[in-house]
PDB file of N, CA and C in Angstrom:
ATOM      1  N   MET A   1      15.287  10.154  15.164  1.00  0.00           N
ATOM      2  CA  MET A   1      15.303  11.333  14.359  1.00  0.00           C
ATOM      3  C   MET A   1      16.720  11.506  13.818  1.00  0.00           C
ATOM      4  N   LEU A   2      16.850  11.715  12.528  1.00  0.00           N
ATOM      5  CA  LEU A   2      18.139  11.924  11.901  1.00  0.00           C
ATOM      6  C   LEU A   2      18.356  13.416  11.682  1.00  0.00           C
ATOM      7  N   ILE A   3      19.508  13.928  12.094  1.00  0.00           N
ATOM      8  CA  ILE A   3      19.842  15.335  11.901  1.00  0.00           C
ATOM      9  C   ILE A   3      21.094  15.399  11.040  1.00  0.00           C
ATOM     10  N   TYR A   4      20.983  16.063   9.898  1.00  0.00           N
ATOM     11  CA  TYR A   4      22.090  16.151   8.961  1.00  0.00           C
ATOM     12  C   TYR A   4      22.827  17.469   9.091  1.00  0.00           C
ATOM     13  N   GLU A   5      24.133  17.426   8.838  1.00  0.00           N
ATOM     14  CA  GLU A   5      24.965  18.612   8.834  1.00  0.00           C
ATOM     15  C   GLU A   5      24.813  19.299   7.483  1.00  0.00           C
ATOM     16  N   PRO A   6      24.546  20.599   7.455  1.00  0.00           N
ATOM     17  CA  PRO A   6      24.405  21.282   6.166  1.00  0.00           C
ATOM     18  C   PRO A   6      25.720  21.251   5.382  1.00  0.00           C
ATOM     19  N   LYS A   7      25.633  21.034   4.096  1.00  0.00           N
ATOM     20  CA  LYS A   7      26.802  20.983   3.222  1.00  0.00           C
ATOM     21  C   LYS A   7      26.609  21.940   2.063  1.00  0.00           C
ATOM     22  N   ALA A   8      27.709  22.382   1.483  1.00  0.00           N
ATOM     23  CA  ALA A   8      27.650  23.265   0.317  1.00  0.00           C
ATOM     24  C   ALA A   8      27.231  22.487  -0.931  1.00  0.00           C
ATOM     25  N   THR A   9      27.442  21.186  -0.919  1.00  0.00           N
ATOM     26  CA  THR A   9      27.073  20.346  -2.059  1.00  0.00           C
ATOM     27  C   THR A   9      25.684  19.770  -1.833  1.00  0.00           C
ATOM     28  N   THR A  10      25.220  18.975  -2.765  1.00  0.00           N
ATOM     29  CA  THR A  10      23.910  18.341  -2.628  1.00  0.00           C
ATOM     30  C   THR A  10      23.967  17.076  -1.775  1.00  0.00           C
ATOM     31  N   ILE A  11      25.153  16.651  -1.386  1.00  0.00           N
ATOM     32  CA  ILE A  11      25.315  15.451  -0.557  1.00  0.00           C
ATOM     33  C   ILE A  11      25.252  15.862   0.908  1.00  0.00           C
ATOM     34  N   GLU A  12      24.356  15.212   1.661  1.00  0.00           N
ATOM     35  CA  GLU A  12      24.235  15.496   3.084  1.00  0.00           C
ATOM     36  C   GLU A  12      25.071  14.504   3.883  1.00  0.00           C
ATOM     37  N   LYS A  13      25.682  14.985   4.952  1.00  0.00           N
ATOM     38  CA  LYS A  13      26.447  14.130   5.836  1.00  0.00           C
ATOM     39  C   LYS A  13      25.670  13.975   7.146  1.00  0.00           C
ATOM     40  N   LEU A  14      25.462  12.734   7.565  1.00  0.00           N
ATOM     41  CA  LEU A  14      24.761  12.481   8.819  1.00  0.00           C
ATOM     42  C   LEU A  14      25.587  13.012   9.979  1.00  0.00           C
ATOM     43  N   LYS A  15      25.000  13.880  10.797  1.00  0.00           N
ATOM     44  CA  LYS A  15      25.703  14.470  11.931  1.00  0.00           C
ATOM     45  C   LYS A  15      25.289  13.822  13.250  1.00  0.00           C
ATOM     46  N   PHE A  16      23.983  13.699  13.481  1.00  0.00           N
ATOM     47  CA  PHE A  16      23.474  13.136  14.727  1.00  0.00           C
ATOM     48  C   PHE A  16      22.327  12.173  14.452  1.00  0.00           C
ATOM     49  N   VAL A  17      22.129  11.240  15.391  1.00  0.00           N
ATOM     50  CA  VAL A  17      20.942  10.386  15.402  1.00  0.00           C
ATOM     51  C   VAL A  17      20.402  10.443  16.828  1.00  0.00           C
ATOM     52  N   ILE A  18      19.089  10.682  16.953  1.00  0.00           N
ATOM     53  CA  ILE A  18      18.451  10.742  18.263  1.00  0.00           C
ATOM     54  C   ILE A  18      17.474   9.581  18.373  1.00  0.00           C
ATOM     55  N   CYS A  19      17.596   8.832  19.465  1.00  0.00           N
ATOM     56  CA  CYS A  19      16.692   7.705  19.700  1.00  0.00           C
ATOM     57  C   CYS A  19      15.311   8.245  20.053  1.00  0.00           C
ATOM     58  N   ASP A  20      14.283   7.745  19.378  1.00  0.00           N
ATOM     59  CA  ASP A  20      12.911   8.173  19.630  1.00  0.00           C
ATOM     60  C   ASP A  20      12.349   7.613  20.936  1.00  0.00           C
ATOM     61  N   ILE A  21      13.053   6.674  21.567  1.00  0.00           N
ATOM     62  CA  ILE A  21      12.595   6.105  22.841  1.00  0.00           C
ATOM     63  C   ILE A  21      13.264   6.839  24.018  1.00  0.00           C
ATOM     64  N   CYS A  22      14.592   6.779  24.104  1.00  0.00           N
ATOM     65  CA  CYS A  22      15.307   7.360  25.249  1.00  0.00           C
ATOM     66  C   CYS A  22      15.741   8.801  25.027  1.00  0.00           C
ATOM     67  N   LYS A  23      15.631   9.280  23.775  1.00  0.00           N
ATOM     68  CA  LYS A  23      15.983  10.658  23.402  1.00  0.00           C
ATOM     69  C   LYS A  23      17.480  10.954  23.477  1.00  0.00           C
ATOM     70  N   LYS A  24      18.333   9.916  23.615  1.00  0.00           N
ATOM     71  CA  LYS A  24      19.772  10.139  23.641  1.00  0.00           C
ATOM     72  C   LYS A  24      20.238  10.535  22.245  1.00  0.00           C
ATOM     73  N   LYS A  25      21.128  11.533  22.198  1.00  0.00           N
ATOM     74  CA  LYS A  25      21.648  12.056  20.932  1.00  0.00           C
ATOM     75  C   LYS A  25      23.038  11.469  20.699  1.00  0.00           C
ATOM     76  N   TYR A  26      23.218  10.812  19.557  1.00  0.00           N
ATOM     77  CA  TYR A  26      24.489  10.201  19.208  1.00  0.00           C
ATOM     78  C   TYR A  26      25.143  11.010  18.086  1.00  0.00           C
ATOM     79  N   ASP A  27      26.386  11.396  18.286  1.00  0.00           N
ATOM     80  CA  ASP A  27      27.172  12.121  17.287  1.00  0.00           C
ATOM     81  C   ASP A  27      27.774  11.084  16.336  1.00  0.00           C
ATOM     82  N   ASN A  28      27.462  11.187  15.054  1.00  0.00           N
ATOM     83  CA  ASN A  28      27.923  10.182  14.098  1.00  0.00           C
ATOM     84  C   ASN A  28      29.449  10.136  13.992  1.00  0.00           C
ATOM     85  N   ASP A  29      30.129  11.260  14.209  1.00  0.00           N
ATOM     86  CA  ASP A  29      31.596  11.266  14.140  1.00  0.00           C
ATOM     87  C   ASP A  29      32.220  10.572  15.347  1.00  0.00           C
ATOM     88  N   LYS A  30      31.649  10.772  16.534  1.00  0.00           N
ATOM     89  CA  LYS A  30      32.210  10.196  17.761  1.00  0.00           C
ATOM     90  C   LYS A  30      31.635   8.828  18.094  1.00  0.00           C
ATOM     91  N   ASP A  31      30.355   8.621  17.772  1.00  0.00           N
ATOM     92  CA  ASP A  31      29.656   7.375  18.120  1.00  0.00           C
ATOM     93  C   ASP A  31      29.292   6.594  16.860  1.00  0.00           C
ATOM     94  N   PHE A  32      30.221   6.511  15.929  1.00  0.00           N
ATOM     95  CA  PHE A  32      29.929   5.908  14.622  1.00  0.00           C
ATOM     96  C   PHE A  32      29.335   4.508  14.737  1.00  0.00           C
ATOM     97  N   PHE A  33      29.915   3.671  15.585  1.00  0.00           N
ATOM     98  CA  PHE A  33      29.425   2.293  15.686  1.00  0.00           C
ATOM     99  C   PHE A  33      28.036   2.241  16.324  1.00  0.00           C
ATOM    100  N   GLU A  34      27.762   3.148  17.245  1.00  0.00           N
ATOM    101  CA  GLU A  34      26.418   3.208  17.832  1.00  0.00           C
ATOM    102  C   GLU A  34      25.390   3.616  16.784  1.00  0.00           C
ATOM    103  N   THR A  35      25.714   4.615  15.971  1.00  0.00           N
ATOM    104  CA  THR A  35      24.751   5.076  14.968  1.00  0.00           C
ATOM    105  C   THR A  35      24.518   4.011  13.899  1.00  0.00           C
ATOM    106  N   GLN A  36      25.507   3.171  13.660  1.00  0.00           N
ATOM    107  CA  GLN A  36      25.351   2.099  12.673  1.00  0.00           C
ATOM    108  C   GLN A  36      24.414   1.000  13.163  1.00  0.00           C
ATOM    109  N   GLU A  37      24.232   0.900  14.469  1.00  0.00           N
ATOM    110  CA  GLU A  37      23.396  -0.148  15.054  1.00  0.00           C
ATOM    111  C   GLU A  37      21.954   0.298  15.306  1.00  0.00           C
ATOM    112  N   PHE A  38      21.601   1.507  14.894  1.00  0.00           N
ATOM    113  CA  PHE A  38      20.227   1.995  15.064  1.00  0.00           C
ATOM    114  C   PHE A  38      19.256   1.185  14.220  1.00  0.00           C
ATOM    115  N   PHE A  39      18.035   1.078  14.704  1.00  0.00           N
ATOM    116  CA  PHE A  39      16.936   0.480  13.950  1.00  0.00           C
ATOM    117  C   PHE A  39      16.120   1.628  13.372  1.00  0.00           C
ATOM    118  N   HIS A  40      16.039   1.702  12.056  1.00  0.00           N
ATOM    119  CA  HIS A  40      15.275   2.739  11.367  1.00  0.00           C
ATOM    120  C   HIS A  40      14.064   2.055  10.736  1.00  0.00           C
ATOM    121  N   ILE A  41      12.892   2.356  11.270  1.00  0.00           N
ATOM    122  CA  ILE A  41      11.668   1.702  10.815  1.00  0.00           C
ATOM    123  C   ILE A  41      10.799   2.727  10.102  1.00  0.00           C
ATOM    124  N   GLN A  42      10.431   2.412   8.854  1.00  0.00           N
ATOM    125  CA  GLN A  42       9.546   3.262   8.062  1.00  0.00           C
ATOM    126  C   GLN A  42       8.424   2.392   7.522  1.00  0.00           C
ATOM    127  N   GLU A  43       7.203   2.718   7.882  1.00  0.00           N
ATOM    128  CA  GLU A  43       6.038   1.946   7.458  1.00  0.00           C
ATOM    129  C   GLU A  43       4.890   2.893   7.156  1.00  0.00           C
ATOM    130  N   THR A  44       3.916   2.385   6.441  1.00  0.00           N
ATOM    131  CA  THR A  44       2.678   3.108   6.171  1.00  0.00           C
ATOM    132  C   THR A  44       1.532   2.262   6.693  1.00  0.00           C
ATOM    133  N   GLY A  45       0.705   2.878   7.545  1.00  0.00           N
ATOM    134  CA  GLY A  45      -0.440   2.160   8.101  1.00  0.00           C
ATOM    135  C   GLY A  45      -1.411   1.757   7.006  1.00  0.00           C
ATOM    136  N   GLY A  46      -1.864   0.537   7.059  1.00  0.00           N
ATOM    137  CA  GLY A  46      -2.814   0.017   6.074  1.00  0.00           C
ATOM    138  C   GLY A  46      -4.246   0.144   6.560  1.00  0.00           C
ATOM    139  N   TYR A  47      -5.156  -0.343   5.755  1.00  0.00           N
ATOM    140  CA  TYR A  47      -6.575  -0.303   6.098  1.00  0.00           C
ATOM    141  C   TYR A  47      -6.800  -1.036   7.417  1.00  0.00           C
ATOM    142  N   GLY A  48      -7.439  -0.388   8.368  1.00  0.00           N
ATOM    143  CA  GLY A  48      -7.705  -0.992   9.671  1.00  0.00           C
ATOM    144  C   GLY A  48      -6.544  -0.909  10.644  1.00  0.00           C
ATOM    145  N   SER A  49      -5.457  -0.233  10.264  1.00  0.00           N
ATOM    146  CA  SER A  49      -4.292  -0.116  11.139  1.00  0.00           C
ATOM    147  C   SER A  49      -4.622   0.715  12.370  1.00  0.00           C
ATOM    148  N   VAL A  50      -4.035   0.347  13.523  1.00  0.00           N
ATOM    149  CA  VAL A  50      -4.218   1.131  14.737  1.00  0.00           C
ATOM    150  C   VAL A  50      -3.558   2.501  14.610  1.00  0.00           C
ATOM    151  N   PHE A  51      -2.634   2.638  13.659  1.00  0.00           N
ATOM    152  CA  PHE A  51      -1.944   3.909  13.441  1.00  0.00           C
ATOM    153  C   PHE A  51      -2.725   4.824  12.506  1.00  0.00           C
ATOM    154  N   GLY A  52      -3.641   4.251  11.730  1.00  0.00           N
ATOM    155  CA  GLY A  52      -4.424   5.032  10.787  1.00  0.00           C
ATOM    156  C   GLY A  52      -4.096   4.660   9.350  1.00  0.00           C
ATOM    157  N   ASP A  53      -5.108   4.580   8.543  1.00  0.00           N
ATOM    158  CA  ASP A  53      -4.947   4.216   7.135  1.00  0.00           C
ATOM    159  C   ASP A  53      -4.124   5.292   6.415  1.00  0.00           C
ATOM    160  N   GLY A  54      -3.008   4.885   5.844  1.00  0.00           N
ATOM    161  CA  GLY A  54      -2.146   5.804   5.115  1.00  0.00           C
ATOM    162  C   GLY A  54      -1.203   6.618   5.982  1.00  0.00           C
ATOM    163  N   LYS A  55      -1.242   6.415   7.300  1.00  0.00           N
ATOM    164  CA  LYS A  55      -0.383   7.168   8.219  1.00  0.00           C
ATOM    165  C   LYS A  55       1.061   6.713   8.055  1.00  0.00           C
ATOM    166  N   GLU A  56       1.974   7.695   7.879  1.00  0.00           N
ATOM    167  CA  GLU A  56       3.408   7.401   7.775  1.00  0.00           C
ATOM    168  C   GLU A  56       3.995   7.231   9.172  1.00  0.00           C
ATOM    169  N   ILE A  57       4.735   6.147   9.371  1.00  0.00           N
ATOM    170  CA  ILE A  57       5.350   5.850  10.656  1.00  0.00           C
ATOM    171  C   ILE A  57       6.858   5.796  10.442  1.00  0.00           C
ATOM    172  N   ASN A  58       7.604   6.650  11.141  1.00  0.00           N
ATOM    173  CA  ASN A  58       9.063   6.692  11.065  1.00  0.00           C
ATOM    174  C   ASN A  58       9.616   6.667  12.481  1.00  0.00           C
ATOM    175  N   VAL A  59      10.413   5.649  12.790  1.00  0.00           N
ATOM    176  CA  VAL A  59      10.956   5.490  14.133  1.00  0.00           C
ATOM    177  C   VAL A  59      12.437   5.146  14.037  1.00  0.00           C
ATOM    178  N   ASP A  60      13.243   5.811  14.867  1.00  0.00           N
ATOM    179  CA  ASP A  60      14.667   5.509  14.986  1.00  0.00           C
ATOM    180  C   ASP A  60      14.915   5.084  16.431  1.00  0.00           C
ATOM    181  N   ILE A  61      15.397   3.841  16.611  1.00  0.00           N
ATOM    182  CA  ILE A  61      15.578   3.278  17.948  1.00  0.00           C
ATOM    183  C   ILE A  61      17.014   2.787  18.104  1.00  0.00           C
ATOM    184  N   CYS A  62      17.671   3.221  19.195  1.00  0.00           N
ATOM    185  CA  CYS A  62      19.051   2.771  19.437  1.00  0.00           C
ATOM    186  C   CYS A  62      19.042   1.287  19.818  1.00  0.00           C
ATOM    187  N   GLN A  63      20.198   0.665  19.684  1.00  0.00           N
ATOM    188  CA  GLN A  63      20.292  -0.768  19.952  1.00  0.00           C
ATOM    189  C   GLN A  63      20.002  -1.094  21.414  1.00  0.00           C
ATOM    190  N   HIS A  64      20.291  -0.166  22.322  1.00  0.00           N
ATOM    191  CA  HIS A  64      20.069  -0.420  23.743  1.00  0.00           C
ATOM    192  C   HIS A  64      18.571  -0.452  24.070  1.00  0.00           C
ATOM    193  N   CYS A  65      17.827   0.500  23.506  1.00  0.00           N
ATOM    194  CA  CYS A  65      16.371   0.509  23.711  1.00  0.00           C
ATOM    195  C   CYS A  65      15.714  -0.685  23.031  1.00  0.00           C
ATOM    196  N   MET A  66      16.165  -1.027  21.838  1.00  0.00           N
ATOM    197  CA  MET A  66      15.594  -2.179  21.133  1.00  0.00           C
ATOM    198  C   MET A  66      15.846  -3.453  21.926  1.00  0.00           C
ATOM    199  N   ASN A  67      17.030  -3.563  22.501  1.00  0.00           N
ATOM    200  CA  ASN A  67      17.350  -4.725  23.329  1.00  0.00           C
ATOM    201  C   ASN A  67      16.413  -4.799  24.529  1.00  0.00           C
ATOM    202  N   LYS A  68      16.157  -3.652  25.184  1.00  0.00           N
ATOM    203  CA  LYS A  68      15.234  -3.624  26.331  1.00  0.00           C
ATOM    204  C   LYS A  68      13.826  -4.005  25.894  1.00  0.00           C
ATOM    205  N   ILE A  69      13.390  -3.491  24.757  1.00  0.00           N
ATOM    206  CA  ILE A  69      12.053  -3.816  24.255  1.00  0.00           C
ATOM    207  C   ILE A  69      11.921  -5.319  24.018  1.00  0.00           C
ATOM    208  N   LEU A  70      12.913  -5.906  23.389  1.00  0.00           N
ATOM    209  CA  LEU A  70      12.861  -7.336  23.077  1.00  0.00           C
ATOM    210  C   LEU A  70      12.962  -8.192  24.337  1.00  0.00           C
ATOM    211  N   ILE A  71      13.831  -7.812  25.283  1.00  0.00           N
ATOM    212  CA  ILE A  71      13.983  -8.574  26.520  1.00  0.00           C
ATOM    213  C   ILE A  71      12.729  -8.446  27.387  1.00  0.00           C
ATOM    214  N   ASP A  72      12.219  -7.215  27.550  1.00  0.00           N
ATOM    215  CA  ASP A  72      11.027  -6.993  28.373  1.00  0.00           C
ATOM    216  C   ASP A  72       9.814  -7.748  27.836  1.00  0.00           C
ATOM    217  N   ASN A  73       9.740  -7.899  26.533  1.00  0.00           N
ATOM    218  CA  ASN A  73       8.611  -8.603  25.915  1.00  0.00           C
ATOM    219  C   ASN A  73       8.943 -10.065  25.609  1.00  0.00           C
ATOM    220  N   GLN A  74      10.098 -10.526  26.060  1.00  0.00           N
ATOM    221  CA  GLN A  74      10.562 -11.886  25.882  1.00  0.00           C
ATOM    222  C   GLN A  74      10.440 -12.358  24.448  1.00  0.00           C
ATOM    223  N   VAL A  75      10.912 -11.527  23.538  1.00  0.00           N
ATOM    224  CA  VAL A  75      10.884 -11.879  22.111  1.00  0.00           C
ATOM    225  C   VAL A  75      12.138 -12.664  21.778  1.00  0.00           C
ATOM    226  N   GLU A  76      11.945 -13.830  21.184  1.00  0.00           N
ATOM    227  CA  GLU A  76      13.094 -14.634  20.747  1.00  0.00           C
ATOM    228  C   GLU A  76      13.457 -14.281  19.328  1.00  0.00           C
ATOM    229  N   ILE A  77      14.750 -14.109  19.104  1.00  0.00           N
ATOM    230  CA  ILE A  77      15.224 -13.786  17.750  1.00  0.00           C
ATOM    231  C   ILE A  77      15.853 -15.019  17.140  1.00  0.00           C
TER     232      ILE A  77
END
């Protein structure tokens, strides 16, 4: 989940990123390199999808959780 800091202009500044798996909140000012390594996945379920036809899927995953997912499932990159 991306949380933006309100600005007086039309440009939004990213303030926090929350991992949808571990729920850890990263401050973009303090944890800049961590927030840059997030996986942001946006997809739309197609016909016959387990998620539902036309269902919007948005996931933000930190690099640590993604690493655990890949290692636990023995995915080779």
